[in-house]
Amino acid sequence: MNDKLNSSAAWSWNDVRFFAGLDWAKDHHDIAVVDAQGRNRLSRRFNDTADGWADIRERLVALVGPDLSVVGVSIETCSGPAVERLLALGCRVYPINPRSARAYRTRKAPSGTKDDALDAWSFADALRTDGHAWRPLTPEDPLTQQLRLLCRDEVALIGQRTALVCQLREALHEYYPAALEAFDDWTMRAAWEFIIQFPTPQQLAGATRRKRQSFLTTHKLHSPQTQERRLAIFARADQFCGSPAVTQAKSLLAVGIAKQLITLEAVLKQYRQRIEELFRQHPDHELFGSLPGLGDKLAPRMLGECGDDPARFEDHQALQCYAGTAPVSYDSGQKRMVKIRRACNKHLRAAVHLWADLSRRQCAWAQAYYEHKCKQGKTHAEALRCLGQRWLKILHRMIQTKQPYDESLHMRNQVAHGSWVIRLTEPDHQLLKQTAP
């Protein structure tokens, strides 16, 4: 990759001489290139193969020369294989929002005509006319990128586990009510192994008391508070259950789901170990790990989504918009409204929501701020979004200074600036006044 692209500070819009648009698909892409005067210089469809990308590279080199950093490429995504390959070529990549992409397409074809070549050309010309205000993607640190991808995949796998648990509970409801009564938590391995060992109510009721008790002891479920209750449920499991036909059919499904859950849990354990290992290796692990509420799971997610580049966000408001905590205002004539921001990083927004909620348990001012917003009439989610907005401002400053979070320093700064938030925690406020230098 061109060394010039290794530093975002070296990037200049004035260096871009050719403007390209890429309409990407799964197996092929359409590219259009225009010059500074808007003249078409290249329009081609190519396959998403090694030969296809090699052909496009040769054509771009023939058009602009060996330095492809003079080519800006507009594309309707900010991640994925196509973006990675464009960055590897040395091009400057400018992501375009899908809603903006539709507007640019309509501007070029008001009749409603649509095809891939038209999309590529409209993206290229939009970059030529408006690209000076767009921010290009910069090559990402491999460690941060891997951490982000692993965390996203882990969340997706957890979602699959939740779906399988729901399917298992539904199957048991039809033929095995005793199992649902005996176990409250169906995310634990012992409950899945119970279904594998005793797939039907008849097999459970027909087993000896010693065998049923042995299962509970083996899986560390033999506490005095629950053991006798479970054994009583096991003994009468066949008294209220599904018909023989339903039992035979649904027991096969339940065992199959239980085996899938055990396999999936082993994969999730590998993901968790790998994520924790990479997070410990990252230079900013202490920075994100110092924030209240960001534990072993959320801290890597926040680091992966926010990144470690101080120049990635112009200010804290850019980070807040990216995370979806900043509201969208609509003010036209007599109509004024404020609504939630939908165009954002959904993964980061979910992480910030969890972070804000967990921070209330460890941070006095965060809990006071949350309660204040609730008294103003905010819902639980709205109050957490407001709290997340405040946390992101702190996080942005930490990324700029590379200094971990210091609760006492933050409180002293609040006192020094006369923040209204500090007055919500009055005892701590008075203590800080007495100890302030």
Protein backbone atom coordinates (compact mmCIF):
# COMPACT_ATOMS: atom_id res chain seq x y z
CA MET A 1 0.00 0.00 0.00
CA ASN A 2 1.13 3.51 -0.73
CA ASP A 3 2.98 4.91 2.29
CA LYS A 4 1.22 8.18 1.72
CA LEU A 5 -2.02 6.58 2.84
CA ASN A 6 -0.60 5.29 6.11
CA SER A 7 -1.25 8.61 7.82
CA SER A 8 -4.62 10.33 7.60
CA ALA A 9 -2.86 13.65 8.16
CA ALA A 10 -1.15 13.28 4.78
CA TRP A 11 -4.44 12.98 2.93
CA SER A 12 -5.55 16.01 0.96
CA TRP A 13 -8.64 16.39 -1.20
CA ASN A 14 -6.63 18.49 -3.65
CA ASP A 15 -4.52 15.43 -4.47
CA VAL A 16 -7.54 13.55 -5.86
CA ARG A 17 -7.61 13.89 -9.67
CA PHE A 18 -9.96 11.06 -10.66
CA PHE A 19 -13.32 10.19 -9.14
CA ALA A 20 -14.74 6.69 -9.22
CA GLY A 21 -17.98 5.08 -8.15
CA LEU A 22 -18.28 1.39 -7.34
CA ASP A 23 -21.65 -0.35 -7.30
CA TRP A 24 -20.80 -3.58 -5.52
CA ALA A 25 -22.58 -6.91 -5.54
CA LYS A 26 -21.82 -10.42 -4.32
CA ASP A 27 -20.26 -11.83 -7.48
CA HIS A 28 -19.56 -8.78 -9.64
CA HIS A 29 -19.07 -5.01 -9.44
CA ASP A 30 -19.60 -2.02 -11.70
CA ILE A 31 -17.06 0.81 -11.69
CA ALA A 32 -17.18 4.22 -13.34
CA VAL A 33 -14.36 6.79 -13.36
CA VAL A 34 -14.69 10.47 -14.27
CA ASP A 35 -12.08 13.22 -14.34
CA ALA A 36 -12.23 16.68 -12.75
CA GLN A 37 -14.36 17.97 -15.66
CA GLY A 38 -16.88 15.14 -15.28
CA ARG A 39 -15.89 13.31 -18.45
CA ASN A 40 -16.28 9.53 -18.39
CA ARG A 41 -12.85 7.89 -18.47
CA LEU A 42 -13.72 4.32 -17.54
CA SER A 43 -16.90 2.29 -17.22
CA ARG A 44 -16.70 -1.45 -16.73
CA ARG A 45 -18.27 -4.46 -15.02
CA PHE A 46 -15.87 -7.00 -13.54
CA ASN A 47 -16.18 -10.22 -11.60
CA ASP A 48 -15.35 -10.42 -7.90
CA THR A 49 -12.37 -12.69 -8.54
CA ALA A 50 -8.61 -12.33 -8.41
CA ASP A 51 -8.51 -11.90 -12.19
CA GLY A 52 -11.29 -9.33 -12.12
CA TRP A 53 -9.57 -7.14 -9.53
CA ALA A 54 -6.23 -7.54 -11.30
CA ASP A 55 -7.83 -6.36 -14.55
CA ILE A 56 -9.30 -3.27 -12.87
CA ARG A 57 -5.97 -2.44 -11.28
CA GLU A 58 -4.24 -2.60 -14.67
CA ARG A 59 -6.88 -0.34 -16.23
CA LEU A 60 -6.62 2.19 -13.40
CA VAL A 61 -2.81 2.21 -13.63
CA ALA A 62 -3.06 2.74 -17.39
CA LEU A 63 -5.42 5.66 -16.80
CA VAL A 64 -3.81 7.49 -13.87
CA GLY A 65 -0.35 5.99 -13.44
CA PRO A 66 1.12 3.71 -10.76
CA ASP A 67 0.08 5.95 -7.85
CA LEU A 68 -3.60 5.07 -7.30
CA SER A 69 -3.89 7.41 -4.32
CA VAL A 70 -5.05 10.07 -6.79
CA VAL A 71 -8.23 8.02 -7.31
CA GLY A 72 -11.12 8.57 -4.94
CA VAL A 73 -13.77 5.85 -4.90
CA SER A 74 -17.31 6.33 -3.64
CA ILE A 75 -19.02 3.14 -2.47
CA GLU A 76 -22.32 2.41 -0.71
CA THR A 77 -20.75 0.73 2.32
CA CYS A 78 -17.98 1.35 4.83
CA SER A 79 -16.81 -2.24 5.33
CA GLY A 80 -16.54 -5.57 3.59
CA PRO A 81 -14.26 -7.30 1.07
CA ALA A 82 -14.78 -4.67 -1.66
CA VAL A 83 -13.66 -1.88 0.67
CA GLU A 84 -10.66 -3.90 1.83
CA ARG A 85 -9.54 -4.53 -1.75
CA LEU A 86 -9.93 -0.88 -2.73
CA LEU A 87 -7.78 0.16 0.22
CA ALA A 88 -5.25 -2.52 -0.72
CA LEU A 89 -5.04 -1.01 -4.22
CA GLY A 90 -4.10 2.32 -2.63
CA CYS A 91 -7.29 4.17 -3.59
CA ARG A 92 -8.99 6.61 -1.27
CA VAL A 93 -12.37 5.22 -0.26
CA TYR A 94 -15.32 7.50 0.52
CA PRO A 95 -18.38 5.69 1.91
CA ILE A 96 -21.77 7.06 0.92
CA ASN A 97 -24.97 6.66 2.92
CA PRO A 98 -27.61 4.54 1.08
CA ARG A 99 -30.20 7.31 1.44
CA SER A 100 -27.79 9.83 -0.03
CA ALA A 101 -26.98 7.35 -2.78
CA ARG A 102 -30.65 7.16 -3.75
CA ALA A 103 -30.86 10.94 -3.85
CA TYR A 104 -27.79 11.22 -6.11
CA ARG A 105 -29.24 8.54 -8.40
CA THR A 106 -32.55 10.40 -8.60
CA ARG A 107 -30.72 13.62 -9.41
CA LYS A 108 -29.08 11.95 -12.39
CA ALA A 109 -32.17 10.02 -13.50
CA PRO A 110 -35.40 11.77 -12.40
CA SER A 111 -37.41 9.34 -14.54
CA GLY A 112 -36.66 6.52 -12.10
CA THR A 113 -34.35 4.59 -14.40
CA LYS A 114 -31.99 2.35 -12.46
CA ASP A 115 -29.14 0.04 -13.37
CA ASP A 116 -25.76 -0.77 -11.89
CA ALA A 117 -23.76 1.27 -14.40
CA LEU A 118 -25.93 4.33 -13.69
CA ASP A 119 -25.43 3.89 -9.96
CA ALA A 120 -21.65 3.71 -10.35
CA TRP A 121 -21.58 6.83 -12.51
CA SER A 122 -23.87 8.81 -10.16
CA PHE A 123 -21.65 7.87 -7.20
CA ALA A 124 -18.54 8.96 -9.10
CA ASP A 125 -20.02 12.32 -10.11
CA ALA A 126 -21.36 12.89 -6.60
CA LEU A 127 -17.84 12.41 -5.27
CA ARG A 128 -16.51 14.87 -7.84
CA THR A 129 -18.98 17.60 -6.88
CA ASP A 130 -19.49 17.04 -3.15
CA GLY A 131 -16.57 14.87 -2.06
CA HIS A 132 -14.56 17.75 -0.62
CA ALA A 133 -16.83 17.58 2.45
CA TRP A 134 -16.66 13.79 2.83
CA ARG A 135 -14.29 11.95 5.11
CA PRO A 136 -12.29 9.09 3.59
CA LEU A 137 -11.77 5.75 5.23
CA THR A 138 -8.29 5.13 6.53
CA PRO A 139 -6.56 1.74 6.71
CA GLU A 140 -7.51 0.23 10.06
CA ASP A 141 -5.17 -1.23 12.63
CA PRO A 142 -5.33 -5.04 12.09
CA LEU A 143 -5.61 -5.74 15.83
CA THR A 144 -8.55 -3.36 16.23
CA GLN A 145 -10.21 -4.70 13.09
CA GLN A 146 -9.91 -8.31 14.25
CA LEU A 147 -11.26 -7.38 17.67
CA ARG A 148 -14.27 -5.64 16.12
CA LEU A 149 -15.07 -8.57 13.82
CA LEU A 150 -14.71 -11.13 16.60
CA CYS A 151 -16.98 -9.15 18.92
CA ARG A 152 -19.64 -8.73 16.22
CA ASP A 153 -19.54 -12.43 15.41
CA GLU A 154 -19.76 -13.27 19.11
CA VAL A 155 -22.89 -11.14 19.46
CA ALA A 156 -24.39 -12.87 16.41
CA LEU A 157 -23.62 -16.29 17.88
CA ILE A 158 -25.19 -15.27 21.19
CA GLY A 159 -28.28 -14.30 19.21
CA GLN A 160 -28.31 -17.75 17.63
CA ARG A 161 -28.01 -19.34 21.07
CA THR A 162 -30.98 -17.29 22.29
CA ALA A 163 -33.03 -18.39 19.29
CA LEU A 164 -32.16 -22.05 19.91
CA VAL A 165 -33.06 -21.75 23.60
CA CYS A 166 -36.44 -20.30 22.63
CA GLN A 167 -37.03 -23.18 20.19
CA LEU A 168 -36.06 -25.69 22.87
CA ARG A 169 -38.42 -24.19 25.43
CA GLU A 170 -41.24 -24.20 22.88
CA ALA A 171 -40.67 -27.87 22.11
CA LEU A 172 -40.58 -28.77 25.80
CA HIS A 173 -43.78 -26.84 26.42
CA GLU A 174 -45.56 -29.19 24.02
CA TYR A 175 -44.48 -32.48 25.56
CA TYR A 176 -42.24 -32.02 28.63
CA PRO A 177 -43.65 -29.45 31.13
CA ALA A 178 -41.74 -31.07 34.00
CA ALA A 179 -38.41 -30.10 32.47
CA LEU A 180 -39.47 -26.44 32.23
CA GLU A 181 -40.64 -26.57 35.86
CA ALA A 182 -37.39 -28.10 37.08
CA PHE A 183 -35.01 -25.68 35.35
CA ASP A 184 -35.39 -21.91 35.24
CA ASP A 185 -32.20 -21.07 33.34
CA TRP A 186 -32.04 -22.75 29.92
CA THR A 187 -28.78 -21.08 28.97
CA MET A 188 -26.80 -23.39 31.26
CA ARG A 189 -25.17 -26.55 29.96
CA ALA A 190 -26.70 -28.76 32.68
CA ALA A 191 -30.22 -28.14 31.37
CA TRP A 192 -29.21 -29.18 27.84
CA GLU A 193 -27.47 -32.32 29.07
CA PHE A 194 -30.56 -33.17 31.10
CA ILE A 195 -32.62 -33.30 27.89
CA ILE A 196 -30.00 -35.51 26.22
CA GLN A 197 -29.87 -37.94 29.16
CA PHE A 198 -33.65 -37.93 29.81
CA PRO A 199 -35.24 -37.04 26.45
CA THR A 200 -38.82 -37.97 27.42
CA PRO A 201 -40.93 -37.70 30.61
CA GLN A 202 -41.40 -41.46 30.63
CA GLN A 203 -37.65 -42.11 30.66
CA LEU A 204 -37.19 -39.60 33.48
CA ALA A 205 -39.99 -41.04 35.61
CA GLY A 206 -38.81 -44.59 34.94
CA ALA A 207 -35.24 -43.86 36.06
CA THR A 208 -34.24 -44.72 39.60
CA ARG A 209 -34.04 -42.02 42.25
CA ARG A 210 -30.33 -42.71 42.56
CA LYS A 211 -29.78 -42.07 38.85
CA ARG A 212 -31.75 -38.82 38.95
CA GLN A 213 -29.88 -37.72 42.06
CA SER A 214 -26.57 -38.66 40.46
CA PHE A 215 -27.31 -36.34 37.55
CA LEU A 216 -27.92 -33.41 39.90
CA THR A 217 -24.74 -34.15 41.87
CA THR A 218 -22.60 -34.52 38.74
CA HIS A 219 -23.77 -31.14 37.44
CA LYS A 220 -23.46 -29.42 40.82
CA LEU A 221 -27.22 -28.95 41.22
CA HIS A 222 -27.48 -30.69 44.59
CA SER A 223 -28.04 -27.69 46.83
CA PRO A 224 -30.53 -28.43 49.65
CA GLN A 225 -32.80 -25.59 48.52
CA THR A 226 -33.48 -27.04 45.07
CA GLN A 227 -32.54 -30.73 45.03
CA GLU A 228 -35.62 -32.15 46.76
CA ARG A 229 -37.94 -29.93 44.74
CA ARG A 230 -36.38 -31.13 41.48
CA LEU A 231 -36.47 -34.79 42.54
CA ALA A 232 -40.18 -34.47 43.33
CA ILE A 233 -40.80 -32.96 39.88
CA PHE A 234 -38.79 -35.75 38.23
CA ALA A 235 -40.84 -38.46 39.98
CA ARG A 236 -44.17 -37.18 38.57
CA ALA A 237 -42.85 -36.07 35.16
CA ASP A 238 -45.10 -38.52 33.24
CA GLN A 239 -48.31 -37.46 34.97
CA PHE A 240 -48.75 -34.32 32.86
CA CYS A 241 -47.08 -34.45 29.46
CA GLY A 242 -47.73 -34.67 25.73
CA SER A 243 -49.35 -37.54 23.87
CA PRO A 244 -47.13 -40.43 22.70
CA ALA A 245 -47.06 -39.13 19.12
CA VAL A 246 -46.10 -35.59 20.18
CA THR A 247 -43.54 -36.94 22.65
CA GLN A 248 -41.81 -39.10 20.06
CA ALA A 249 -41.65 -36.26 17.52
CA LYS A 250 -40.71 -33.37 19.79
CA SER A 251 -38.17 -35.32 21.86
CA LEU A 252 -36.10 -35.83 18.74
CA LEU A 253 -36.19 -32.09 18.07
CA ALA A 254 -35.34 -31.24 21.68
CA VAL A 255 -32.32 -33.54 21.76
CA GLY A 256 -31.09 -32.15 18.44
CA ILE A 257 -31.37 -28.56 19.69
CA ALA A 258 -29.66 -29.44 22.98
CA LYS A 259 -26.69 -30.91 21.09
CA GLN A 260 -26.49 -27.79 18.91
CA LEU A 261 -26.46 -25.62 22.01
CA ILE A 262 -23.59 -27.58 23.55
CA THR A 263 -21.56 -27.24 20.35
CA LEU A 264 -22.38 -23.55 20.06
CA GLU A 265 -21.40 -22.92 23.69
CA ALA A 266 -17.98 -24.45 23.02
CA VAL A 267 -17.52 -22.13 20.04
CA LEU A 268 -18.55 -19.12 22.13
CA LYS A 269 -15.98 -20.09 24.74
CA GLN A 270 -13.26 -20.07 22.06
CA TYR A 271 -14.43 -16.63 20.90
CA ARG A 272 -14.36 -15.28 24.44
CA GLN A 273 -10.82 -16.56 25.02
CA ARG A 274 -9.59 -15.09 21.73
CA ILE A 275 -11.25 -11.72 22.37
CA GLU A 276 -9.78 -11.45 25.85
CA GLU A 277 -6.35 -12.37 24.50
CA LEU A 278 -6.45 -9.72 21.76
CA PHE A 279 -7.84 -7.11 24.14
CA ARG A 280 -4.94 -7.64 26.53
CA GLN A 281 -2.52 -7.18 23.62
CA HIS A 282 -4.10 -3.91 22.46
CA PRO A 283 -2.29 -0.71 23.54
CA ASP A 284 -5.59 0.89 24.57
CA HIS A 285 -6.87 -1.94 26.75
CA GLU A 286 -6.21 -0.01 29.96
CA LEU A 287 -7.90 3.07 28.49
CA PHE A 288 -11.20 1.32 27.77
CA GLY A 289 -10.90 -1.04 30.72
CA SER A 290 -10.79 1.90 33.15
CA LEU A 291 -14.33 3.07 32.33
CA PRO A 292 -17.02 2.14 34.89
CA GLY A 293 -19.45 -0.42 33.50
CA LEU A 294 -17.16 -1.64 30.72
CA GLY A 295 -16.26 -5.12 31.87
CA ASP A 296 -14.48 -7.94 30.11
CA LYS A 297 -17.18 -8.18 27.44
CA LEU A 298 -18.18 -4.59 26.71
CA ALA A 299 -14.72 -3.01 26.78
CA PRO A 300 -13.46 -4.99 23.73
CA ARG A 301 -16.70 -4.21 21.88
CA MET A 302 -16.36 -0.49 22.52
CA LEU A 303 -12.70 -0.51 21.51
CA GLY A 304 -13.43 -2.43 18.31
CA GLU A 305 -16.28 -0.13 17.26
CA CYS A 306 -14.74 3.22 18.27
CA GLY A 307 -11.21 2.40 17.18
CA ASP A 308 -8.02 3.86 18.59
CA ASP A 309 -7.31 6.61 16.03
CA PRO A 310 -7.59 10.07 17.67
CA ALA A 311 -8.22 11.63 14.23
CA ARG A 312 -11.13 9.35 13.32
CA PHE A 313 -13.77 11.70 14.79
CA GLU A 314 -13.51 15.46 14.40
CA ASP A 315 -15.08 16.08 17.81
CA HIS A 316 -17.17 14.36 20.44
CA GLN A 317 -20.36 15.21 18.55
CA ALA A 318 -19.17 13.18 15.56
CA LEU A 319 -18.68 10.17 17.85
CA GLN A 320 -22.11 10.71 19.41
CA CYS A 321 -23.77 10.83 15.99
CA TYR A 322 -21.87 7.72 14.93
CA ALA A 323 -23.10 5.90 18.04
CA GLY A 324 -26.69 7.08 17.58
CA THR A 325 -27.01 8.82 20.96
CA ALA A 326 -27.27 12.30 19.41
CA PRO A 327 -30.91 13.02 18.44
CA VAL A 328 -32.11 14.20 15.04
CA SER A 329 -33.98 17.52 15.06
CA TYR A 330 -36.60 18.61 12.56
CA ASP A 331 -37.51 22.30 12.50
CA SER A 332 -39.61 23.64 9.64
CA GLY A 333 -42.20 26.38 9.95
CA GLN A 334 -44.59 25.53 12.77
CA LYS A 335 -43.37 21.95 13.05
CA ARG A 336 -40.57 21.11 15.45
CA MET A 337 -39.62 17.66 16.65
CA VAL A 338 -36.69 15.66 17.96
CA LYS A 339 -36.39 11.95 17.25
CA ILE A 340 -33.95 9.10 17.68
CA ARG A 341 -31.08 8.84 15.19
CA ARG A 342 -31.50 5.75 13.00
CA ALA A 343 -28.52 6.22 10.68
CA CYS A 344 -25.69 5.12 12.97
CA ASN A 345 -23.50 2.19 13.94
CA LYS A 346 -26.08 -0.21 15.38
CA HIS A 347 -23.43 -2.38 17.05
CA LEU A 348 -21.95 0.62 18.85
CA ARG A 349 -25.36 1.94 19.87
CA ALA A 350 -26.25 -1.39 21.49
CA ALA A 351 -22.92 -1.46 23.34
CA VAL A 352 -23.36 2.13 24.59
CA HIS A 353 -26.87 1.30 25.84
CA LEU A 354 -25.54 -1.61 27.90
CA TRP A 355 -22.57 0.42 29.08
CA ALA A 356 -24.71 3.33 30.29
CA ASP A 357 -26.98 0.96 32.21
CA LEU A 358 -24.10 -0.89 33.90
CA SER A 359 -22.22 2.33 34.72
CA ARG A 360 -25.05 3.40 37.04
CA ARG A 361 -24.09 0.64 39.47
CA GLN A 362 -20.48 1.78 39.76
CA CYS A 363 -20.65 5.54 39.30
CA ALA A 364 -22.60 7.84 41.63
CA TRP A 365 -22.90 10.75 39.22
CA ALA A 366 -24.12 8.43 36.44
CA GLN A 367 -26.92 7.09 38.64
CA ALA A 368 -27.86 10.62 39.74
CA TYR A 369 -27.87 11.82 36.13
CA TYR A 370 -30.07 8.90 35.08
CA GLU A 371 -32.56 9.54 37.88
CA HIS A 372 -32.67 13.24 36.99
CA LYS A 373 -33.57 12.41 33.39
CA CYS A 374 -36.28 10.02 34.54
CA LYS A 375 -37.79 12.75 36.71
CA GLN A 376 -37.91 14.95 33.63
CA GLY A 377 -40.22 12.41 32.02
CA LYS A 378 -37.70 10.41 30.02
CA THR A 379 -38.26 6.71 29.54
CA HIS A 380 -35.65 4.21 30.70
CA ALA A 381 -34.18 3.92 27.20
CA GLU A 382 -34.19 7.70 26.67
CA ALA A 383 -32.46 8.33 30.00
CA LEU A 384 -29.80 5.74 29.15
CA ARG A 385 -29.31 7.35 25.76
CA CYS A 386 -28.75 10.73 27.44
CA LEU A 387 -26.29 9.14 29.86
CA GLY A 388 -24.51 7.41 26.98
CA GLN A 389 -24.26 10.76 25.24
CA ARG A 390 -22.40 12.14 28.24
CA TRP A 391 -20.14 9.08 28.54
CA LEU A 392 -19.16 9.33 24.86
CA LYS A 393 -17.99 12.90 25.38
CA ILE A 394 -15.71 11.65 28.14
CA LEU A 395 -14.55 8.72 26.00
CA HIS A 396 -13.69 10.97 23.07
CA ARG A 397 -11.50 13.10 25.31
CA MET A 398 -9.79 9.98 26.66
CA ILE A 399 -9.02 8.78 23.13
CA GLN A 400 -7.50 12.17 22.33
CA THR A 401 -5.30 12.30 25.43
CA LYS A 402 -4.72 8.53 25.79
CA GLN A 403 -5.36 8.89 29.53
CA PRO A 404 -7.46 6.31 31.45
CA TYR A 405 -10.61 7.38 33.24
CA ASP A 406 -10.05 8.88 36.69
CA GLU A 407 -13.24 9.28 38.72
CA SER A 408 -11.77 11.79 41.16
CA LEU A 409 -10.27 13.89 38.37
CA HIS A 410 -13.57 13.92 36.52
CA MET A 411 -15.44 15.03 39.62
CA ARG A 412 -12.91 17.80 40.30
CA ASN A 413 -13.29 19.03 36.73
CA GLN A 414 -17.06 19.04 37.17
CA VAL A 415 -16.69 21.16 40.29
CA ALA A 416 -14.24 23.53 38.60
CA HIS A 417 -16.59 24.09 35.66
CA GLY A 418 -19.69 24.42 37.83
CA SER A 419 -21.49 21.52 36.14
CA TRP A 420 -25.12 21.04 37.19
CA VAL A 421 -24.55 17.28 37.22
CA ILE A 422 -22.22 17.52 40.19
CA ARG A 423 -24.96 19.15 42.25
CA LEU A 424 -27.03 16.00 41.88
CA THR A 425 -24.51 14.19 44.09
CA GLU A 426 -24.42 16.80 46.86
CA PRO A 427 -22.44 14.88 49.55
CA ASP A 428 -19.66 14.03 47.09
CA HIS A 429 -19.75 17.61 45.86
CA GLN A 430 -19.13 19.05 49.34
CA LEU A 431 -16.30 16.55 49.95
CA LEU A 432 -14.59 17.53 46.73
CA LYS A 433 -14.84 21.21 47.64
CA GLN A 434 -13.03 20.53 50.90
CA THR A 435 -10.28 18.45 49.28
CA ALA A 436 -9.82 20.52 46.11
CA PRO A 437 -6.38 22.20 45.87
